[in-house]
N, C-alpha and C. Protein backbone atom coordinates (compact mmCIF):
# COMPACT_ATOMS: atom_id res chain seq x y z
N MET A 1 4.49 26.98 3.45
CA MET A 1 2.65 26.16 3.15
C MET A 1 3.41 25.02 2.35
N ASP A 2 2.33 24.05 3.18
CA ASP A 2 2.66 22.39 2.63
C ASP A 2 2.15 22.37 1.07
N ASP A 3 2.99 21.94 0.35
CA ASP A 3 2.51 21.28 -0.95
C ASP A 3 2.32 19.95 -0.97
N ALA A 4 2.34 19.33 -0.09
CA ALA A 4 2.40 17.96 -0.74
C ALA A 4 0.67 17.29 -0.75
N PRO A 5 0.51 16.49 -1.46
CA PRO A 5 -1.24 15.95 -2.01
C PRO A 5 -1.82 15.69 -1.02
N THR A 6 -3.21 16.01 -1.06
CA THR A 6 -3.57 15.41 0.34
C THR A 6 -4.25 14.23 -0.06
N PRO A 7 -4.01 13.52 0.68
CA PRO A 7 -4.39 12.28 0.68
C PRO A 7 -5.56 11.88 0.47
N LEU A 8 -5.95 11.20 -0.56
CA LEU A 8 -7.64 10.62 -0.81
C LEU A 8 -8.68 9.73 0.25
N GLN A 9 -9.33 10.40 0.59
CA GLN A 9 -10.27 10.30 1.76
C GLN A 9 -10.78 9.18 1.05
N ILE A 10 -10.42 7.68 1.29
CA ILE A 10 -11.38 6.55 0.69
C ILE A 10 -11.99 5.78 1.56
N ASP A 11 -13.39 5.77 1.10
CA ASP A 11 -14.68 5.45 1.99
C ASP A 11 -14.60 3.94 2.09
N ARG A 12 -14.21 2.82 0.73
CA ARG A 12 -14.07 1.56 1.03
C ARG A 12 -13.07 1.05 -0.26
N GLU A 13 -12.60 0.13 0.61
CA GLU A 13 -11.37 -0.70 -0.42
C GLU A 13 -11.58 -1.70 -0.86
N ILE A 14 -11.51 -2.42 -1.79
CA ILE A 14 -11.58 -3.96 -2.23
C ILE A 14 -9.98 -4.85 -2.90
N ASP A 15 -9.86 -5.69 -2.23
CA ASP A 15 -8.72 -6.21 -2.85
C ASP A 15 -8.95 -7.48 -3.75
N THR A 16 -8.34 -7.16 -4.91
CA THR A 16 -8.59 -8.30 -6.22
C THR A 16 -7.57 -8.66 -6.66
N ARG A 17 -6.24 -9.07 -5.85
CA ARG A 17 -4.94 -9.53 -6.03
C ARG A 17 -5.45 -11.10 -6.56
N GLY A 18 -5.15 -11.25 -7.61
CA GLY A 18 -4.80 -12.41 -8.42
C GLY A 18 -5.88 -12.68 -8.62
N LEU A 19 -6.90 -11.87 -9.27
CA LEU A 19 -7.98 -11.89 -10.09
C LEU A 19 -7.65 -11.29 -11.31
N ASN A 20 -8.48 -12.14 -12.51
CA ASN A 20 -8.35 -11.54 -13.67
C ASN A 20 -9.46 -11.06 -14.34
N CYS A 21 -9.32 -10.03 -15.31
CA CYS A 21 -10.48 -9.86 -16.06
C CYS A 21 -11.80 -10.82 -16.55
N PRO A 22 -12.65 -10.60 -16.30
CA PRO A 22 -13.21 -9.25 -15.77
C PRO A 22 -13.53 -9.29 -14.33
N LEU A 23 -13.19 -9.93 -13.25
CA LEU A 23 -13.34 -9.95 -11.94
C LEU A 23 -13.14 -8.66 -11.10
N PRO A 24 -12.00 -8.36 -11.48
CA PRO A 24 -11.90 -6.78 -10.37
C PRO A 24 -12.91 -5.89 -10.99
N ILE A 25 -13.49 -5.82 -11.98
CA ILE A 25 -14.46 -4.59 -12.45
C ILE A 25 -16.06 -5.15 -12.24
N LEU A 26 -16.11 -6.51 -12.20
CA LEU A 26 -17.40 -7.33 -11.26
C LEU A 26 -17.42 -6.77 -9.83
N LYS A 27 -16.10 -6.70 -9.19
CA LYS A 27 -16.12 -6.64 -7.82
C LYS A 27 -16.54 -5.22 -7.29
N ALA A 28 -15.73 -4.13 -8.53
CA ALA A 28 -15.60 -2.75 -8.26
C ALA A 28 -17.23 -2.58 -8.51
N LYS A 29 -17.90 -2.82 -9.41
CA LYS A 29 -19.36 -2.51 -9.83
C LYS A 29 -20.15 -2.96 -8.52
N LYS A 30 -20.21 -4.01 -8.13
CA LYS A 30 -20.76 -4.36 -6.85
C LYS A 30 -20.67 -3.50 -5.86
N ALA A 31 -19.45 -3.43 -5.68
CA ALA A 31 -19.15 -2.44 -4.40
C ALA A 31 -19.47 -0.91 -4.46
N LEU A 32 -19.36 -0.48 -5.67
CA LEU A 32 -20.15 0.95 -6.05
C LEU A 32 -21.57 1.11 -6.32
N ASN A 33 -22.10 0.06 -5.91
CA ASN A 33 -23.78 -0.11 -6.12
C ASN A 33 -23.66 -0.36 -4.49
N GLU A 34 -22.90 -0.46 -3.43
CA GLU A 34 -23.64 -0.05 -2.36
C GLU A 34 -22.97 0.91 -1.83
N MET A 35 -22.46 1.80 -2.91
CA MET A 35 -21.95 3.26 -2.05
C MET A 35 -22.65 4.31 -2.09
N GLN A 36 -22.62 5.29 -1.18
CA GLN A 36 -23.13 6.71 -1.42
C GLN A 36 -22.63 7.61 -2.68
N THR A 37 -23.25 8.08 -3.74
CA THR A 37 -23.02 9.13 -4.38
C THR A 37 -21.63 10.47 -3.90
N GLY A 38 -20.42 10.24 -4.45
CA GLY A 38 -19.21 11.15 -4.35
C GLY A 38 -18.08 10.20 -3.25
N GLN A 39 -18.91 8.98 -3.11
CA GLN A 39 -17.68 8.44 -1.97
C GLN A 39 -16.77 7.63 -2.97
N LEU A 40 -15.74 7.51 -2.41
CA LEU A 40 -14.41 6.80 -3.29
C LEU A 40 -13.85 5.32 -2.75
N LEU A 41 -13.90 4.60 -4.06
CA LEU A 41 -13.89 3.18 -3.96
C LEU A 41 -12.11 3.10 -4.12
N LYS A 42 -11.20 2.23 -3.33
CA LYS A 42 -9.85 2.02 -4.13
C LYS A 42 -10.19 0.33 -4.21
N VAL A 43 -9.24 -0.26 -5.82
CA VAL A 43 -9.45 -1.36 -5.90
C VAL A 43 -7.63 -1.76 -6.19
N VAL A 44 -7.27 -2.63 -5.41
CA VAL A 44 -6.00 -2.93 -5.58
C VAL A 44 -6.09 -4.11 -6.33
N ALA A 45 -5.35 -4.39 -7.59
CA ALA A 45 -4.98 -5.43 -8.42
C ALA A 45 -4.10 -5.79 -8.93
N THR A 46 -3.90 -6.85 -9.26
CA THR A 46 -2.76 -7.45 -9.85
C THR A 46 -2.76 -7.91 -11.62
N ASP A 47 -3.93 -7.12 -12.43
CA ASP A 47 -4.03 -7.55 -13.62
C ASP A 47 -3.52 -6.31 -14.12
N PRO A 48 -2.43 -6.63 -14.94
CA PRO A 48 -1.84 -5.74 -16.06
C PRO A 48 -3.37 -4.76 -16.81
N GLY A 49 -4.43 -5.85 -17.30
CA GLY A 49 -5.10 -5.35 -18.11
C GLY A 49 -6.01 -4.37 -17.43
N SER A 50 -6.14 -4.55 -16.18
CA SER A 50 -7.13 -3.65 -15.15
C SER A 50 -6.77 -2.15 -15.67
N LEU A 51 -5.75 -1.38 -15.85
CA LEU A 51 -5.21 0.23 -16.06
C LEU A 51 -6.56 0.08 -17.12
N ARG A 52 -6.61 -0.57 -18.44
CA ARG A 52 -7.35 -0.17 -19.36
C ARG A 52 -8.78 -0.29 -19.38
N ASP A 53 -9.34 -1.23 -18.70
CA ASP A 53 -10.60 -1.88 -17.94
C ASP A 53 -11.02 -1.01 -17.12
N PHE A 54 -9.85 -0.55 -16.13
CA PHE A 54 -10.99 0.44 -15.53
C PHE A 54 -11.21 1.87 -16.37
N GLN A 55 -10.48 1.97 -17.00
CA GLN A 55 -10.64 3.40 -17.51
C GLN A 55 -11.70 3.36 -18.69
N ALA A 56 -12.39 2.04 -19.10
CA ALA A 56 -12.97 1.55 -20.33
C ALA A 56 -14.31 1.78 -19.26
N PHE A 57 -14.37 0.98 -18.07
CA PHE A 57 -15.32 1.22 -16.86
C PHE A 57 -15.85 2.18 -16.43
N SER A 58 -15.04 3.49 -16.29
CA SER A 58 -15.27 4.95 -16.18
C SER A 58 -16.13 5.23 -17.03
N ARG A 59 -15.67 5.24 -18.26
CA ARG A 59 -16.18 6.07 -19.27
C ARG A 59 -17.64 5.60 -19.56
N GLN A 60 -17.85 4.40 -19.47
CA GLN A 60 -18.84 3.83 -19.65
C GLN A 60 -20.24 4.01 -18.40
N THR A 61 -19.52 3.83 -17.39
CA THR A 61 -20.77 4.03 -16.20
C THR A 61 -20.72 5.39 -15.49
N GLY A 62 -19.89 6.32 -16.23
CA GLY A 62 -19.71 7.75 -15.67
C GLY A 62 -19.46 7.75 -14.18
N ASN A 63 -18.78 6.64 -13.51
CA ASN A 63 -18.23 6.52 -12.13
C ASN A 63 -16.69 7.28 -12.52
N ALA A 64 -16.33 8.60 -11.97
CA ALA A 64 -14.83 8.87 -12.33
C ALA A 64 -13.77 8.33 -11.69
N LEU A 65 -13.55 7.68 -12.66
CA LEU A 65 -11.60 7.53 -12.02
C LEU A 65 -10.46 8.61 -11.94
N VAL A 66 -10.59 8.91 -10.37
CA VAL A 66 -9.64 9.75 -9.85
C VAL A 66 -8.16 9.37 -9.92
N GLU A 67 -7.84 8.00 -9.46
CA GLU A 67 -6.60 8.28 -9.65
C GLU A 67 -6.20 6.17 -9.88
N GLN A 68 -5.32 6.53 -10.82
CA GLN A 68 -4.24 5.45 -10.88
C GLN A 68 -3.00 5.15 -10.67
N GLN A 69 -2.67 3.91 -9.97
CA GLN A 69 -1.05 4.14 -9.85
C GLN A 69 -0.54 2.23 -9.86
N THR A 70 0.80 2.52 -10.48
CA THR A 70 1.28 1.29 -10.54
C THR A 70 2.37 1.18 -9.25
N LEU A 71 2.22 0.26 -8.65
CA LEU A 71 3.36 0.11 -7.26
C LEU A 71 3.73 -1.26 -7.22
N GLY A 72 4.75 -1.39 -8.09
CA GLY A 72 5.38 -2.88 -8.15
C GLY A 72 4.74 -3.37 -9.10
N ALA A 73 3.89 -4.57 -8.61
CA ALA A 73 3.30 -5.64 -9.32
C ALA A 73 1.62 -5.57 -9.17
N GLU A 74 1.51 -4.10 -8.66
CA GLU A 74 0.10 -3.93 -8.15
C GLU A 74 -0.38 -2.53 -9.12
N PHE A 75 -1.45 -2.91 -9.08
CA PHE A 75 -2.19 -1.75 -9.93
C PHE A 75 -3.55 -1.08 -9.08
N ILE A 76 -3.12 0.34 -8.50
CA ILE A 76 -4.34 0.60 -7.53
C ILE A 76 -5.29 1.96 -8.53
N HIS A 77 -6.57 1.24 -8.56
CA HIS A 77 -7.52 2.29 -9.19
C HIS A 77 -8.49 3.08 -8.33
N VAL A 78 -8.08 4.31 -8.26
CA VAL A 78 -9.69 5.20 -7.13
C VAL A 78 -10.80 5.15 -7.94
N LEU A 79 -12.49 5.09 -7.82
CA LEU A 79 -13.15 5.90 -8.60
C LEU A 79 -14.02 6.38 -7.53
N ARG A 80 -14.74 7.63 -8.18
CA ARG A 80 -15.45 8.43 -7.27
C ARG A 80 -16.67 7.74 -7.97
N ARG A 81 -17.73 7.45 -6.91
CA ARG A 81 -19.42 6.70 -7.34
C ARG A 81 -19.87 8.12 -7.72
N ARG A 82 -20.86 7.57 -8.92
CA ARG A 82 -21.45 9.08 -9.47
C ARG A 82 -22.75 9.23 -8.57
């Protein structure tokens, strides 16, 4: 049996590299508003504060924060549209 994690089915991806708070959140909010319930949004950011920002955004909006990863200087956030 294969125990490798199933890759997430990302419905939309936005690149916010080089943008600082609150721009990654604002762009994510706009993208989520255009998506269907249950769809996944992947946000690629370079702002270290985005880790904390997306956690707070998820709590405040009810959009689930499915995954956060740090890959070198990049921060990956995956949100599920409520």
